[in-house]
C-alpha atoms as a PDB file:
ATOM      1  CA  MET A   1      13.064 -16.195  -6.217  1.00  0.00           C
ATOM      2  CA  LYS A   2      11.972 -13.805  -3.440  1.00  0.00           C
ATOM      3  CA  LYS A   3       8.344 -14.169  -2.174  1.00  0.00           C
ATOM      4  CA  VAL A   4       5.807 -11.250  -1.279  1.00  0.00           C
ATOM      5  CA  LEU A   5       2.694 -11.461   0.417  1.00  0.00           C
ATOM      6  CA  THR A   6      -0.181  -9.017  -0.011  1.00  0.00           C
ATOM      7  CA  ILE A   7      -2.892  -8.931   2.671  1.00  0.00           C
ATOM      8  CA  ALA A   8      -5.798  -6.616   1.213  1.00  0.00           C
ATOM      9  CA  GLY A   9      -8.963  -6.293  -0.432  1.00  0.00           C
ATOM     10  CA  SER A  10     -10.132  -7.374  -3.907  1.00  0.00           C
ATOM     11  CA  ASP A  11     -10.555  -4.802  -6.680  1.00  0.00           C
ATOM     12  CA  CYS A  12     -12.910  -6.180  -9.335  1.00  0.00           C
ATOM     13  CA  SER A  13     -11.895  -3.388 -11.815  1.00  0.00           C
ATOM     14  CA  GLY A  14      -8.141  -4.316 -11.430  1.00  0.00           C
ATOM     15  CA  GLY A  15      -6.559  -1.175 -10.442  1.00  0.00           C
ATOM     16  CA  ALA A  16      -6.030  -1.360  -6.906  1.00  0.00           C
ATOM     17  CA  GLY A  17      -5.993  -3.524  -4.196  1.00  0.00           C
ATOM     18  CA  ILE A  18      -5.062  -7.523  -4.502  1.00  0.00           C
ATOM     19  CA  GLN A  19      -4.845  -6.857  -8.062  1.00  0.00           C
ATOM     20  CA  ALA A  20      -2.552  -4.028  -8.443  1.00  0.00           C
ATOM     21  CA  ASP A  21      -0.351  -5.753  -5.541  1.00  0.00           C
ATOM     22  CA  ILE A  22       0.290  -8.913  -7.723  1.00  0.00           C
ATOM     23  CA  LYS A  23       0.791  -6.773 -10.813  1.00  0.00           C
ATOM     24  CA  THR A  24       3.480  -4.808  -8.977  1.00  0.00           C
ATOM     25  CA  ILE A  25       5.013  -7.722  -7.445  1.00  0.00           C
ATOM     26  CA  THR A  26       5.185  -9.714 -10.455  1.00  0.00           C
ATOM     27  CA  VAL A  27       6.881  -6.911 -12.557  1.00  0.00           C
ATOM     28  CA  HIS A  28       9.633  -6.835  -9.796  1.00  0.00           C
ATOM     29  CA  LYS A  29      10.188 -10.557 -10.852  1.00  0.00           C
ATOM     30  CA  MET A  30       9.212 -11.865  -7.260  1.00  0.00           C
ATOM     31  CA  TYR A  31       6.499 -14.609  -6.428  1.00  0.00           C
ATOM     32  CA  ALA A  32       3.360 -13.057  -5.335  1.00  0.00           C
ATOM     33  CA  MET A  33       0.764 -14.384  -2.640  1.00  0.00           C
ATOM     34  CA  SER A  34      -2.239 -13.034  -1.406  1.00  0.00           C
ATOM     35  CA  VAL A  35      -4.672 -13.066   1.700  1.00  0.00           C
ATOM     36  CA  ILE A  36      -8.166 -11.434   0.559  1.00  0.00           C
ATOM     37  CA  THR A  37      -9.802  -9.626   3.619  1.00  0.00           C
ATOM     38  CA  ALA A  38     -12.695  -8.296   1.442  1.00  0.00           C
ATOM     39  CA  LEU A  39     -14.335  -8.207  -1.961  1.00  0.00           C
ATOM     40  CA  THR A  40     -15.176  -5.019  -3.195  1.00  0.00           C
ATOM     41  CA  ALA A  41     -17.717  -3.636  -6.144  1.00  0.00           C
ATOM     42  CA  GLN A  42     -15.635  -0.728  -7.190  1.00  0.00           C
ATOM     43  CA  ASN A  43     -14.384   0.943 -10.508  1.00  0.00           C
ATOM     44  CA  THR A  44     -12.536   4.059 -11.765  1.00  0.00           C
ATOM     45  CA  THR A  45     -15.661   5.921 -10.494  1.00  0.00           C
ATOM     46  CA  GLY A  46     -15.990   4.959  -6.781  1.00  0.00           C
ATOM     47  CA  VAL A  47     -16.570   2.074  -4.240  1.00  0.00           C
ATOM     48  CA  TYR A  48     -20.156   0.707  -4.460  1.00  0.00           C
ATOM     49  CA  GLY A  49     -20.202  -2.172  -2.050  1.00  0.00           C
ATOM     50  CA  ILE A  50     -17.705  -4.321   0.422  1.00  0.00           C
ATOM     51  CA  GLN A  51     -18.190  -7.849   1.389  1.00  0.00           C
ATOM     52  CA  GLU A  52     -15.779  -8.610   4.339  1.00  0.00           C
ATOM     53  CA  CYS A  53     -14.170 -12.000   4.641  1.00  0.00           C
ATOM     54  CA  ASP A  54     -14.723 -13.913   7.737  1.00  0.00           C
ATOM     55  CA  ALA A  55     -11.794 -13.135  10.154  1.00  0.00           C
ATOM     56  CA  GLU A  56     -11.188 -16.766  11.033  1.00  0.00           C
ATOM     57  CA  PHE A  57     -10.861 -17.360   7.258  1.00  0.00           C
ATOM     58  CA  VAL A  58      -8.363 -14.615   6.827  1.00  0.00           C
ATOM     59  CA  GLY A  59      -6.180 -16.416   9.527  1.00  0.00           C
ATOM     60  CA  LYS A  60      -6.601 -19.828   7.848  1.00  0.00           C
ATOM     61  CA  GLN A  61      -5.193 -18.129   4.491  1.00  0.00           C
ATOM     62  CA  MET A  62      -2.177 -16.878   6.654  1.00  0.00           C
ATOM     63  CA  ASP A  63      -1.611 -20.252   8.071  1.00  0.00           C
ATOM     64  CA  CYS A  64      -1.606 -21.729   4.743  1.00  0.00           C
ATOM     65  CA  ILE A  65       1.006 -19.508   3.320  1.00  0.00           C
ATOM     66  CA  PHE A  66       3.406 -18.983   6.452  1.00  0.00           C
ATOM     67  CA  THR A  67       3.577 -22.907   6.850  1.00  0.00           C
ATOM     68  CA  ASP A  68       4.491 -23.554   3.156  1.00  0.00           C
ATOM     69  CA  ILE A  69       5.891 -20.629   1.294  1.00  0.00           C
ATOM     70  CA  ARG A  70       7.355 -18.317   3.531  1.00  0.00           C
ATOM     71  CA  PRO A  71       7.185 -14.722   2.395  1.00  0.00           C
ATOM     72  CA  ASP A  72      10.295 -12.434   2.413  1.00  0.00           C
ATOM     73  CA  ALA A  73       8.129  -9.328   2.845  1.00  0.00           C
ATOM     74  CA  VAL A  74       4.449  -8.473   3.739  1.00  0.00           C
ATOM     75  CA  LYS A  75       2.486  -5.680   2.409  1.00  0.00           C
ATOM     76  CA  ILE A  76      -1.066  -4.914   4.205  1.00  0.00           C
ATOM     77  CA  GLY A  77      -3.684  -3.014   2.646  1.00  0.00           C
ATOM     78  CA  MET A  78      -7.557  -2.841   3.315  1.00  0.00           C
ATOM     79  CA  VAL A  79      -8.327  -4.301   6.620  1.00  0.00           C
ATOM     80  CA  SER A  80     -11.861  -3.172   7.411  1.00  0.00           C
ATOM     81  CA  ASN A  81     -12.934  -4.366  10.742  1.00  0.00           C
ATOM     82  CA  GLU A  82     -11.526  -5.006  14.138  1.00  0.00           C
ATOM     83  CA  LYS A  83     -11.549  -8.901  14.131  1.00  0.00           C
ATOM     84  CA  ILE A  84      -9.722  -9.293  10.911  1.00  0.00           C
ATOM     85  CA  ILE A  85      -7.054  -6.643  12.058  1.00  0.00           C
ATOM     86  CA  ARG A  86      -6.543  -8.739  15.377  1.00  0.00           C
ATOM     87  CA  GLU A  87      -6.571 -11.952  13.334  1.00  0.00           C
ATOM     88  CA  ILE A  88      -3.831 -10.639  11.099  1.00  0.00           C
ATOM     89  CA  ALA A  89      -1.836  -9.215  13.897  1.00  0.00           C
ATOM     90  CA  GLY A  90      -1.768 -12.599  15.834  1.00  0.00           C
ATOM     91  CA  ARG A  91      -0.563 -14.704  12.880  1.00  0.00           C
ATOM     92  CA  LEU A  92       2.247 -11.982  11.776  1.00  0.00           C
ATOM     93  CA  LYS A  93       3.275 -12.499  15.612  1.00  0.00           C
ATOM     94  CA  LYS A  94       3.201 -16.182  15.689  1.00  0.00           C
ATOM     95  CA  TYR A  95       5.081 -16.344  12.622  1.00  0.00           C
ATOM     96  CA  ARG A  96       7.577 -13.543  13.236  1.00  0.00           C
ATOM     97  CA  ALA A  97       6.953 -11.909   9.835  1.00  0.00           C
ATOM     98  CA  GLN A  98       9.705  -9.667   8.544  1.00  0.00           C
ATOM     99  CA  ASP A  99       9.659  -6.460   6.465  1.00  0.00           C
ATOM    100  CA  VAL A 100       5.900  -5.619   7.074  1.00  0.00           C
ATOM    101  CA  VAL A 101       4.745  -2.630   4.964  1.00  0.00           C
ATOM    102  CA  LEU A 102       1.428  -1.306   6.062  1.00  0.00           C
ATOM    103  CA  ASP A 103      -0.751   0.909   3.944  1.00  0.00           C
ATOM    104  CA  PRO A 104      -3.549   2.358   6.260  1.00  0.00           C
ATOM    105  CA  VAL A 105      -6.347   2.123   3.476  1.00  0.00           C
ATOM    106  CA  MET A 106      -8.773   4.278   5.316  1.00  0.00           C
ATOM    107  CA  ILE A 107     -10.089   6.545   2.503  1.00  0.00           C
ATOM    108  CA  SER A 108      -9.966   5.629  -1.223  1.00  0.00           C
ATOM    109  CA  THR A 109      -8.751   8.158  -3.916  1.00  0.00           C
ATOM    110  CA  SER A 110     -12.180   8.860  -4.872  1.00  0.00           C
ATOM    111  CA  GLY A 111     -12.886   9.923  -1.039  1.00  0.00           C
ATOM    112  CA  SER A 112     -14.857   6.666   0.175  1.00  0.00           C
ATOM    113  CA  ARG A 113     -14.206   5.368   3.559  1.00  0.00           C
ATOM    114  CA  LEU A 114     -12.874   1.986   3.493  1.00  0.00           C
ATOM    115  CA  ILE A 115     -12.448   1.194   7.134  1.00  0.00           C
ATOM    116  CA  SER A 116     -14.977   1.121  10.195  1.00  0.00           C
ATOM    117  CA  LYS A 117     -14.468   3.779  12.492  1.00  0.00           C
ATOM    118  CA  ASP A 118     -14.175   1.243  15.431  1.00  0.00           C
ATOM    119  CA  ALA A 119     -11.350  -0.558  13.473  1.00  0.00           C
ATOM    120  CA  SER A 120      -9.159   2.592  13.311  1.00  0.00           C
ATOM    121  CA  GLU A 121      -7.874   2.123  17.250  1.00  0.00           C
ATOM    122  CA  ALA A 122      -7.262  -1.633  16.535  1.00  0.00           C
ATOM    123  CA  LEU A 123      -5.179  -0.764  13.591  1.00  0.00           C
ATOM    124  CA  LYS A 124      -2.838   1.549  15.555  1.00  0.00           C
ATOM    125  CA  GLU A 125      -2.777  -0.596  18.461  1.00  0.00           C
ATOM    126  CA  GLU A 126      -2.164  -3.975  16.627  1.00  0.00           C
ATOM    127  CA  LEU A 127      -0.759  -3.443  13.237  1.00  0.00           C
ATOM    128  CA  PHE A 128       1.297  -0.310  13.648  1.00  0.00           C
ATOM    129  CA  PRO A 129       3.831  -1.635  16.217  1.00  0.00           C
ATOM    130  CA  LEU A 130       4.527  -4.652  13.765  1.00  0.00           C
ATOM    131  CA  ALA A 131       5.121  -2.545  10.651  1.00  0.00           C
ATOM    132  CA  ALA A 132       8.574  -1.749   9.116  1.00  0.00           C
ATOM    133  CA  VAL A 133       6.983   1.436   7.638  1.00  0.00           C
ATOM    134  CA  VAL A 134       3.346   2.742   7.518  1.00  0.00           C
ATOM    135  CA  THR A 135       2.456   4.645   4.310  1.00  0.00           C
ATOM    136  CA  PRO A 136      -0.686   7.179   4.970  1.00  0.00           C
ATOM    137  CA  ASN A 137      -1.654   9.573   2.304  1.00  0.00           C
ATOM    138  CA  LEU A 138      -2.523  13.242   3.596  1.00  0.00           C
ATOM    139  CA  MET A 139      -6.203  12.305   4.391  1.00  0.00           C
ATOM    140  CA  GLU A 140      -5.262   9.190   6.252  1.00  0.00           C
ATOM    141  CA  ALA A 141      -2.611  11.052   8.120  1.00  0.00           C
ATOM    142  CA  GLU A 142      -5.283  13.755   9.221  1.00  0.00           C
ATOM    143  CA  ALA A 143      -7.381  10.685  10.423  1.00  0.00           C
ATOM    144  CA  LEU A 144      -4.398   9.081  12.282  1.00  0.00           C
ATOM    145  CA  CYS A 145      -3.049  12.396  13.833  1.00  0.00           C
ATOM    146  CA  GLY A 146      -6.265  14.382  14.400  1.00  0.00           C
ATOM    147  CA  PHE A 147      -5.195  17.580  12.784  1.00  0.00           C
ATOM    148  CA  SER A 148      -5.301  19.185   9.470  1.00  0.00           C
ATOM    149  CA  VAL A 149      -2.225  18.256   7.105  1.00  0.00           C
ATOM    150  CA  GLY A 150      -1.856  20.465   4.319  1.00  0.00           C
ATOM    151  CA  SER A 151       1.865  21.594   4.339  1.00  0.00           C
ATOM    152  CA  PRO A 152       5.242  20.008   4.684  1.00  0.00           C
ATOM    153  CA  LYS A 153       5.547  21.252   8.251  1.00  0.00           C
ATOM    154  CA  ASP A 154       1.966  19.757   8.813  1.00  0.00           C
ATOM    155  CA  MET A 155       3.480  16.499   7.334  1.00  0.00           C
ATOM    156  CA  GLU A 156       6.325  16.539   9.877  1.00  0.00           C
ATOM    157  CA  ARG A 157       4.360  17.100  12.749  1.00  0.00           C
ATOM    158  CA  ALA A 158       1.884  14.430  11.749  1.00  0.00           C
ATOM    159  CA  ALA A 159       4.929  11.789  11.035  1.00  0.00           C
ATOM    160  CA  GLU A 160       6.163  12.417  14.569  1.00  0.00           C
ATOM    161  CA  LYS A 161       2.508  11.890  15.975  1.00  0.00           C
ATOM    162  CA  ILE A 162       1.978   8.662  14.109  1.00  0.00           C
ATOM    163  CA  ALA A 163       5.331   7.308  14.768  1.00  0.00           C
ATOM    164  CA  GLN A 164       4.370   7.042  18.764  1.00  0.00           C
ATOM    165  CA  TYR A 165       1.986   4.233  17.437  1.00  0.00           C
ATOM    166  CA  GLY A 166       5.188   2.318  17.054  1.00  0.00           C
ATOM    167  CA  PRO A 167       6.194   1.511  13.482  1.00  0.00           C
ATOM    168  CA  GLY A 168       9.829   1.385  12.569  1.00  0.00           C
ATOM    169  CA  ALA A 169       9.166   4.315  10.161  1.00  0.00           C
ATOM    170  CA  VAL A 170       6.266   6.378   8.796  1.00  0.00           C
ATOM    171  CA  LEU A 171       6.131   7.464   4.893  1.00  0.00           C
ATOM    172  CA  ILE A 172       3.517  10.388   4.540  1.00  0.00           C
ATOM    173  CA  LYS A 173       2.695  10.684   0.820  1.00  0.00           C
ATOM    174  CA  GLY A 174       2.395  14.311  -0.388  1.00  0.00           C
ATOM    175  CA  GLY A 175       0.655  13.749  -3.572  1.00  0.00           C
ATOM    176  CA  HIS A 176      -2.437  15.785  -2.454  1.00  0.00           C
ATOM    177  CA  LEU A 177      -0.255  18.763  -1.603  1.00  0.00           C
ATOM    178  CA  LYS A 178      -1.322  21.978  -3.297  1.00  0.00           C
ATOM    179  CA  ASP A 179       2.294  23.322  -3.947  1.00  0.00           C
ATOM    180  CA  GLY A 180       4.089  19.994  -4.628  1.00  0.00           C
ATOM    181  CA  ALA A 181       4.043  16.129  -4.598  1.00  0.00           C
ATOM    182  CA  ASP A 182       6.919  15.553  -1.895  1.00  0.00           C
ATOM    183  CA  ASP A 183       7.016  12.484   0.229  1.00  0.00           C
ATOM    184  CA  LEU A 184       8.386  12.522   3.762  1.00  0.00           C
ATOM    185  CA  LEU A 185      10.023   9.421   5.430  1.00  0.00           C
ATOM    186  CA  TYR A 186      10.157   9.787   9.136  1.00  0.00           C
ATOM    187  CA  GLU A 187      12.337   7.288  10.676  1.00  0.00           C
ATOM    188  CA  LYS A 188      13.986   7.404  14.315  1.00  0.00           C
ATOM    189  CA  GLY A 189      13.397  11.111  14.701  1.00  0.00           C
ATOM    190  CA  ARG A 190      14.895  12.008  11.266  1.00  0.00           C
ATOM    191  CA  CYS A 191      13.212  13.357   8.467  1.00  0.00           C
ATOM    192  CA  THR A 192      14.033  12.704   4.787  1.00  0.00           C
ATOM    193  CA  TRP A 193      12.376  14.319   1.954  1.00  0.00           C
ATOM    194  CA  PHE A 194      11.741  12.623  -1.519  1.00  0.00           C
ATOM    195  CA  SER A 195      11.083  15.466  -4.047  1.00  0.00           C
ATOM    196  CA  SER A 196       8.838  14.596  -6.710  1.00  0.00           C
ATOM    197  CA  LYS A 197       7.560  16.502  -9.709  1.00  0.00           C
ATOM    198  CA  ARG A 198       3.653  16.613 -10.316  1.00  0.00           C
ATOM    199  CA  ILE A 199       2.630  14.536 -12.924  1.00  0.00           C
ATOM    200  CA  GLU A 200      -0.335  15.850 -14.796  1.00  0.00           C
ATOM    201  CA  ASN A 201      -2.336  12.505 -15.058  1.00  0.00           C
ATOM    202  CA  PRO A 202      -6.005  12.342 -13.508  1.00  0.00           C
ATOM    203  CA  ASN A 203      -5.727   8.426 -13.422  1.00  0.00           C
ATOM    204  CA  THR A 204      -4.288   7.689 -10.004  1.00  0.00           C
ATOM    205  CA  HIS A 205      -6.572   4.752  -9.116  1.00  0.00           C
ATOM    206  CA  GLY A 206      -4.281   2.464  -6.915  1.00  0.00           C
ATOM    207  CA  THR A 207      -1.245   4.607  -6.473  1.00  0.00           C
ATOM    208  CA  GLY A 208      -1.014   3.958  -2.757  1.00  0.00           C
ATOM    209  CA  CYS A 209      -1.437   0.191  -3.102  1.00  0.00           C
ATOM    210  CA  THR A 210       1.065  -0.028  -5.938  1.00  0.00           C
ATOM    211  CA  LEU A 211       3.660   2.219  -3.915  1.00  0.00           C
ATOM    212  CA  SER A 212       3.439   0.275  -0.821  1.00  0.00           C
ATOM    213  CA  SER A 213       3.760  -3.182  -2.519  1.00  0.00           C
ATOM    214  CA  ALA A 214       6.796  -1.926  -4.492  1.00  0.00           C
ATOM    215  CA  ILE A 215       8.514  -0.693  -1.116  1.00  0.00           C
ATOM    216  CA  ALA A 216       7.823  -4.326  -0.005  1.00  0.00           C
ATOM    217  CA  CYS A 217       9.503  -5.826  -3.116  1.00  0.00           C
ATOM    218  CA  SER A 218      12.641  -3.703  -2.502  1.00  0.00           C
ATOM    219  CA  LEU A 219      12.935  -4.681   1.282  1.00  0.00           C
ATOM    220  CA  ALA A 220      12.411  -8.171   0.256  1.00  0.00           C
ATOM    221  CA  ALA A 221      15.407  -7.985  -2.077  1.00  0.00           C
ATOM    222  CA  GLY A 222      17.569  -6.675   0.765  1.00  0.00           C
ATOM    223  CA  TYR A 223      17.550  -2.728   0.147  1.00  0.00           C
ATOM    224  CA  PRO A 224      17.403  -0.530   3.150  1.00  0.00           C
ATOM    225  CA  LEU A 225      14.283   1.430   3.829  1.00  0.00           C
ATOM    226  CA  GLU A 226      15.346   4.827   2.377  1.00  0.00           C
ATOM    227  CA  ARG A 227      16.554   3.242  -0.996  1.00  0.00           C
ATOM    228  CA  SER A 228      13.336   0.912  -1.062  1.00  0.00           C
ATOM    229  CA  VAL A 229      11.134   4.073  -1.123  1.00  0.00           C
ATOM    230  CA  LYS A 230      13.292   5.616  -3.757  1.00  0.00           C
ATOM    231  CA  ASN A 231      13.211   2.549  -5.808  1.00  0.00           C
ATOM    232  CA  ALA A 232       9.408   2.413  -5.329  1.00  0.00           C
ATOM    233  CA  LYS A 233       8.832   6.114  -6.018  1.00  0.00           C
ATOM    234  CA  ASN A 234      10.844   5.503  -9.422  1.00  0.00           C
ATOM    235  CA  TYR A 235       8.668   2.802 -10.470  1.00  0.00           C
ATOM    236  CA  LEU A 236       5.498   4.661  -9.581  1.00  0.00           C
ATOM    237  CA  THR A 237       6.452   7.544 -11.317  1.00  0.00           C
ATOM    238  CA  GLY A 238       7.129   5.628 -14.535  1.00  0.00           C
ATOM    239  CA  ALA A 239       3.687   3.867 -14.218  1.00  0.00           C
ATOM    240  CA  LEU A 240       2.180   7.318 -14.038  1.00  0.00           C
ATOM    241  CA  GLU A 241       4.116   8.727 -16.935  1.00  0.00           C
ATOM    242  CA  ASP A 242       3.057   5.849 -19.108  1.00  0.00           C
ATOM    243  CA  GLY A 243      -0.491   7.708 -19.571  1.00  0.00           C
ATOM    244  CA  LEU A 244      -2.695   4.816 -19.586  1.00  0.00           C
ATOM    245  CA  ASP A 245      -6.246   5.936 -19.704  1.00  0.00           C
ATOM    246  CA  LEU A 246      -8.958   3.615 -18.920  1.00  0.00           C
ATOM    247  CA  GLY A 247     -12.455   3.860 -17.318  1.00  0.00           C
ATOM    248  CA  LYS A 248     -14.856   6.641 -17.048  1.00  0.00           C
ATOM    249  CA  GLY A 249     -13.161   8.204 -13.807  1.00  0.00           C
ATOM    250  CA  SER A 250      -9.902   8.172 -11.957  1.00  0.00           C
ATOM    251  CA  GLY A 251      -8.354   5.165 -14.025  1.00  0.00           C
ATOM    252  CA  PRO A 252      -5.665   2.860 -13.118  1.00  0.00           C
ATOM    253  CA  LEU A 253      -1.858   2.683 -13.832  1.00  0.00           C
ATOM    254  CA  ASN A 254      -0.039   0.684 -16.313  1.00  0.00           C
ATOM    255  CA  HIS A 255       1.634  -1.615 -13.812  1.00  0.00           C
ATOM    256  CA  MET A 256       3.380  -3.416 -16.690  1.00  0.00           C
ATOM    257  CA  TYR A 257       5.029  -0.367 -18.342  1.00  0.00           C
ATOM    258  CA  ARG A 258       8.486  -1.811 -18.007  1.00  0.00           C
ATOM    259  CA  LEU A 259       7.266  -4.757 -20.310  1.00  0.00           C
ATOM    260  CA  SER A 260       6.928  -4.329 -23.995  1.00  0.00           C
ATOM    261  CA  PRO A 261       5.358  -6.798 -26.022  1.00  0.00           C
ATOM    262  CA  PHE A 262       6.851  -5.826 -29.073  1.00  0.00           C
ATOM    263  CA  ALA A 263      10.504  -6.036 -27.784  1.00  0.00           C
ATOM    264  CA  ASN A 264      10.965  -9.681 -29.393  1.00  0.00           C
ATOM    265  CA  GLY A 265       8.052  -9.757 -31.450  1.00  0.00           C
ATOM    266  CA  TYR A 266       4.319 -10.447 -30.813  1.00  0.00           C
ATOM    267  CA  PRO A 267       3.074 -12.493 -28.918  1.00  0.00           C
ATOM    268  CA  PHE A 268       5.942 -13.057 -26.486  1.00  0.00           C
ATOM    269  CA  ARG A 269       8.533 -15.339 -27.680  1.00  0.00           C
END
């Protein structure tokens, strides 16, 4: 069985962060492990509090994982301060982690800032060079490149700029584009576009976490990056099309849409 590690914050409402990652990894029939960087008080209406984990304890969690059940891929999500970022980077280098997918969680879908400003430089300096791919959305791409990103041409410029920080590739997610929802993969100077129809579903809580975890799963399975992105997008599209509607705000996805409890009777047999 392939093993995937998620390093991220906990979402008590279950739609994003560690919880979304574990659901995604499990549905891909892989073994999920987690390193928790922060506890969040959040739900479908917003983020109401963040309690950061001690950086040294984050490192200790990583030691326990890498010295016992080594992951085949690593997904990194919310890392909210410089000390935690440097601790994670040090352990990834020490254990020569492979297939690292970095989702630079800087701004939530609801617009809340999830990372301190002084941590942004550490993120680019320490973690970007270790990543096989980084997966910013348009708002995060703007924060990283320093200019407005609102069109496909802007996305190409932004990807080229972000690539200078050293990741293997950059995937800019176009879900917030006005005229479409296409994503751009920039790898070694080459642009590959993934066309996507816009799914009319307001419930998008945790889409970024889900996509990056799904990419990590395909990389762990041995797929090349471009195919891994395509696989992950197909999975995310299905989760959105399922139309789960929970909560009072932007609700979560149905990560388990591929499983039908009634396929062989209920409960599972």
